[in-house]
Amino acid sequence: MIMQNHLFGKDSEIVSKAHYNPDTETLFLTYLSGPTTIAYRNVPVTLYNELLRSAYPDVCIRFKIQARHPFRRVGKSYGALNYTFMK
């Protein structure tokens, strides 16, 4: 498993970083509120790359990831917290 990582810096008002596992098509987003990390399932690498290239990553997150992909909250080490994927 080769995890791809991205720091958003000032490009996003809702997330600080993204971690993507292409083997499982799982995208981990760490939100600024909390901080909380959410895992999104079935995210194709093309969508992850679109997120990284987007001039408006928050719009991409809200309308293409949050609205369309099952999710669960995860712990600091990306381990599951007794939550199953929702949706």
N, C-alpha and C. Protein backbone atom coordinates (compact mmCIF):
# COMPACT_ATOMS: atom_id res chain seq x y z
N MET A 1 0.84 -1.18 0.00
CA MET A 1 0.00 0.00 0.00
C MET A 1 0.88 1.24 0.00
N ILE A 2 0.75 2.04 -1.04
CA ILE A 2 1.47 3.30 -1.13
C ILE A 2 0.46 4.42 -0.97
N MET A 3 0.50 5.05 0.18
CA MET A 3 -0.45 6.13 0.49
C MET A 3 0.06 7.42 -0.15
N GLN A 4 -0.82 8.09 -0.87
CA GLN A 4 -0.51 9.39 -1.45
C GLN A 4 -1.01 10.46 -0.50
N ASN A 5 -0.20 11.50 -0.29
CA ASN A 5 -0.53 12.54 0.69
C ASN A 5 -0.55 13.92 0.04
N HIS A 6 -1.41 14.78 0.57
CA HIS A 6 -1.49 16.15 0.07
C HIS A 6 -1.87 17.08 1.23
N LEU A 7 -1.16 18.19 1.35
CA LEU A 7 -1.49 19.24 2.31
C LEU A 7 -2.16 20.38 1.55
N PHE A 8 -3.31 20.84 2.03
CA PHE A 8 -4.06 21.87 1.33
C PHE A 8 -3.61 23.28 1.67
N GLY A 9 -3.03 23.47 2.85
CA GLY A 9 -2.62 24.82 3.23
C GLY A 9 -3.79 25.77 3.21
N LYS A 10 -3.64 26.91 2.55
CA LYS A 10 -4.69 27.93 2.49
C LYS A 10 -5.67 27.71 1.34
N ASP A 11 -5.50 26.62 0.56
CA ASP A 11 -6.39 26.35 -0.57
C ASP A 11 -7.77 25.87 -0.13
N SER A 12 -7.88 25.37 1.11
CA SER A 12 -9.16 24.86 1.59
C SER A 12 -9.52 25.50 2.92
N GLU A 13 -10.80 25.78 3.08
CA GLU A 13 -11.30 26.30 4.35
C GLU A 13 -11.89 25.22 5.23
N ILE A 14 -11.99 23.97 4.70
CA ILE A 14 -12.61 22.91 5.50
C ILE A 14 -11.69 21.73 5.81
N VAL A 15 -10.67 21.48 4.99
CA VAL A 15 -9.77 20.36 5.25
C VAL A 15 -8.32 20.82 5.27
N SER A 16 -7.50 20.10 6.05
CA SER A 16 -6.09 20.44 6.10
C SER A 16 -5.25 19.50 5.24
N LYS A 17 -5.66 18.22 5.16
CA LYS A 17 -4.85 17.28 4.38
C LYS A 17 -5.70 16.13 3.86
N ALA A 18 -5.13 15.48 2.84
CA ALA A 18 -5.76 14.31 2.24
C ALA A 18 -4.74 13.20 2.16
N HIS A 19 -5.19 11.99 2.39
CA HIS A 19 -4.38 10.79 2.21
C HIS A 19 -5.21 9.86 1.35
N TYR A 20 -4.59 9.29 0.32
CA TYR A 20 -5.34 8.45 -0.60
C TYR A 20 -4.64 7.11 -0.76
N ASN A 21 -5.43 6.03 -0.64
CA ASN A 21 -4.92 4.68 -0.86
C ASN A 21 -5.49 4.18 -2.18
N PRO A 22 -4.68 4.14 -3.25
CA PRO A 22 -5.19 3.72 -4.54
C PRO A 22 -5.57 2.24 -4.59
N ASP A 23 -4.97 1.42 -3.73
CA ASP A 23 -5.27 -0.01 -3.71
C ASP A 23 -6.71 -0.28 -3.26
N THR A 24 -7.19 0.50 -2.31
CA THR A 24 -8.55 0.31 -1.77
C THR A 24 -9.52 1.40 -2.23
N GLU A 25 -9.01 2.38 -2.99
CA GLU A 25 -9.80 3.54 -3.41
C GLU A 25 -10.45 4.24 -2.22
N THR A 26 -9.65 4.41 -1.15
CA THR A 26 -10.13 5.08 0.05
C THR A 26 -9.43 6.43 0.19
N LEU A 27 -10.22 7.47 0.35
CA LEU A 27 -9.71 8.82 0.55
C LEU A 27 -9.94 9.22 1.99
N PHE A 28 -8.88 9.64 2.67
CA PHE A 28 -8.95 10.10 4.05
C PHE A 28 -8.80 11.62 4.02
N LEU A 29 -9.79 12.34 4.53
CA LEU A 29 -9.72 13.79 4.62
C LEU A 29 -9.70 14.20 6.09
N THR A 30 -8.73 15.02 6.47
CA THR A 30 -8.65 15.54 7.83
C THR A 30 -9.23 16.94 7.82
N TYR A 31 -10.32 17.10 8.54
CA TYR A 31 -11.06 18.37 8.58
C TYR A 31 -10.45 19.30 9.62
N LEU A 32 -10.57 20.59 9.38
CA LEU A 32 -10.04 21.59 10.30
C LEU A 32 -10.83 21.64 11.60
N SER A 33 -12.11 21.34 11.54
CA SER A 33 -12.92 21.32 12.76
C SER A 33 -12.68 20.00 13.47
N GLY A 34 -12.15 20.08 14.61
CA GLY A 34 -11.91 18.83 15.36
C GLY A 34 -10.49 18.72 15.87
N PRO A 35 -9.51 18.35 15.16
CA PRO A 35 -9.54 17.83 13.80
C PRO A 35 -10.15 16.43 13.75
N THR A 36 -10.89 16.17 12.72
CA THR A 36 -11.55 14.89 12.51
C THR A 36 -11.11 14.34 11.17
N THR A 37 -10.84 13.05 11.11
CA THR A 37 -10.51 12.41 9.84
C THR A 37 -11.66 11.50 9.43
N ILE A 38 -12.08 11.66 8.19
CA ILE A 38 -13.17 10.88 7.61
C ILE A 38 -12.61 10.08 6.44
N ALA A 39 -12.96 8.79 6.37
CA ALA A 39 -12.57 7.94 5.25
C ALA A 39 -13.74 7.83 4.29
N TYR A 40 -13.48 8.07 3.02
CA TYR A 40 -14.49 7.96 1.97
C TYR A 40 -14.12 6.77 1.08
N ARG A 41 -15.08 5.90 0.85
CA ARG A 41 -14.85 4.66 0.12
C ARG A 41 -15.22 4.83 -1.35
N ASN A 42 -14.61 4.00 -2.19
CA ASN A 42 -14.91 3.94 -3.63
C ASN A 42 -14.62 5.26 -4.36
N VAL A 43 -13.55 5.93 -3.97
CA VAL A 43 -13.14 7.17 -4.62
C VAL A 43 -12.09 6.82 -5.68
N PRO A 44 -12.42 6.94 -6.96
CA PRO A 44 -11.44 6.59 -7.99
C PRO A 44 -10.26 7.56 -8.00
N VAL A 45 -9.14 7.09 -8.48
CA VAL A 45 -7.94 7.92 -8.52
C VAL A 45 -8.16 9.16 -9.38
N THR A 46 -9.01 9.07 -10.38
CA THR A 46 -9.30 10.25 -11.21
C THR A 46 -9.96 11.37 -10.40
N LEU A 47 -10.83 11.00 -9.47
CA LEU A 47 -11.47 12.01 -8.61
C LEU A 47 -10.46 12.59 -7.63
N TYR A 48 -9.59 11.74 -7.07
CA TYR A 48 -8.54 12.24 -6.17
C TYR A 48 -7.66 13.25 -6.92
N ASN A 49 -7.25 12.92 -8.13
CA ASN A 49 -6.42 13.83 -8.91
C ASN A 49 -7.16 15.12 -9.26
N GLU A 50 -8.46 15.01 -9.53
CA GLU A 50 -9.27 16.20 -9.79
C GLU A 50 -9.31 17.10 -8.55
N LEU A 51 -9.43 16.50 -7.38
CA LEU A 51 -9.42 17.26 -6.13
C LEU A 51 -8.11 18.02 -5.97
N LEU A 52 -7.00 17.38 -6.27
CA LEU A 52 -5.70 18.04 -6.11
C LEU A 52 -5.50 19.18 -7.10
N ARG A 53 -6.07 19.05 -8.29
CA ARG A 53 -5.92 20.08 -9.33
C ARG A 53 -6.96 21.18 -9.25
N SER A 54 -8.00 20.98 -8.48
CA SER A 54 -9.12 21.90 -8.44
C SER A 54 -8.72 23.27 -7.88
N ALA A 55 -9.22 24.31 -8.54
CA ALA A 55 -9.03 25.67 -8.02
C ALA A 55 -9.91 25.90 -6.80
N TYR A 56 -10.97 25.06 -6.66
CA TYR A 56 -11.91 25.16 -5.55
C TYR A 56 -12.08 23.78 -4.90
N PRO A 57 -11.09 23.32 -4.13
CA PRO A 57 -11.18 21.97 -3.56
C PRO A 57 -12.38 21.78 -2.64
N ASP A 58 -12.81 22.81 -1.94
CA ASP A 58 -13.96 22.66 -1.03
C ASP A 58 -15.24 22.31 -1.79
N VAL A 59 -15.41 22.87 -2.98
CA VAL A 59 -16.57 22.56 -3.81
C VAL A 59 -16.49 21.10 -4.26
N CYS A 60 -15.33 20.68 -4.69
CA CYS A 60 -15.12 19.29 -5.10
C CYS A 60 -15.41 18.34 -3.94
N ILE A 61 -14.94 18.67 -2.75
CA ILE A 61 -15.16 17.83 -1.57
C ILE A 61 -16.66 17.74 -1.27
N ARG A 62 -17.33 18.86 -1.23
CA ARG A 62 -18.76 18.87 -0.86
C ARG A 62 -19.65 18.17 -1.87
N PHE A 63 -19.45 18.46 -3.16
CA PHE A 63 -20.40 17.98 -4.16
C PHE A 63 -20.00 16.68 -4.87
N LYS A 64 -18.72 16.36 -4.88
CA LYS A 64 -18.29 15.15 -5.58
C LYS A 64 -17.83 14.04 -4.65
N ILE A 65 -17.45 14.39 -3.42
CA ILE A 65 -16.96 13.36 -2.49
C ILE A 65 -17.98 13.13 -1.37
N GLN A 66 -18.26 14.16 -0.58
CA GLN A 66 -19.19 14.00 0.55
C GLN A 66 -20.57 13.53 0.08
N ALA A 67 -21.06 14.08 -1.00
CA ALA A 67 -22.43 13.80 -1.45
C ALA A 67 -22.57 12.44 -2.13
N ARG A 68 -21.46 11.82 -2.54
CA ARG A 68 -21.57 10.62 -3.38
C ARG A 68 -20.88 9.37 -2.86
N HIS A 69 -20.10 9.48 -1.79
CA HIS A 69 -19.31 8.32 -1.37
C HIS A 69 -19.59 7.93 0.08
N PRO A 70 -19.71 6.62 0.34
CA PRO A 70 -19.89 6.15 1.72
C PRO A 70 -18.71 6.61 2.58
N PHE A 71 -18.97 6.88 3.85
CA PHE A 71 -17.92 7.41 4.70
C PHE A 71 -18.00 6.83 6.11
N ARG A 72 -16.90 7.00 6.84
CA ARG A 72 -16.84 6.65 8.25
C ARG A 72 -15.76 7.51 8.90
N ARG A 73 -15.95 7.76 10.17
CA ARG A 73 -14.95 8.50 10.94
C ARG A 73 -13.85 7.53 11.33
N VAL A 74 -12.61 8.01 11.33
CA VAL A 74 -11.47 7.17 11.71
C VAL A 74 -10.65 7.87 12.77
N GLY A 75 -9.83 7.10 13.47
CA GLY A 75 -8.97 7.65 14.52
C GLY A 75 -7.73 8.30 13.93
N LYS A 76 -6.89 8.81 14.78
CA LYS A 76 -5.69 9.53 14.36
C LYS A 76 -4.77 8.67 13.49
N SER A 77 -4.73 7.37 13.75
CA SER A 77 -3.84 6.51 12.97
C SER A 77 -4.58 5.86 11.80
N TYR A 78 -5.71 6.42 11.43
CA TYR A 78 -6.54 5.93 10.34
C TYR A 78 -7.17 4.59 10.62
N GLY A 79 -7.25 4.21 11.89
CA GLY A 79 -7.94 2.98 12.26
C GLY A 79 -9.40 3.29 12.50
N ALA A 80 -10.25 2.32 12.26
CA ALA A 80 -11.69 2.54 12.40
C ALA A 80 -12.07 2.75 13.85
N LEU A 81 -13.08 3.58 14.09
CA LEU A 81 -13.64 3.76 15.41
C LEU A 81 -14.99 3.07 15.44
N ASN A 82 -15.32 2.01 15.58
CA ASN A 82 -16.64 1.38 15.71
C ASN A 82 -17.73 2.02 14.85
N TYR A 83 -17.40 2.50 13.71
CA TYR A 83 -18.36 3.06 12.77
C TYR A 83 -18.29 2.23 11.50
N THR A 84 -19.41 1.97 10.89
CA THR A 84 -19.39 1.34 9.58
C THR A 84 -19.55 2.45 8.56
N PHE A 85 -19.32 2.14 7.32
CA PHE A 85 -19.51 3.15 6.28
C PHE A 85 -20.98 3.51 6.24
N MET A 86 -21.28 4.78 6.13
CA MET A 86 -22.66 5.25 6.12
C MET A 86 -23.09 5.51 4.67
N LYS A 87 -24.36 5.65 4.47
CA LYS A 87 -25.00 5.93 3.19
C LYS A 87 -25.59 4.69 2.64
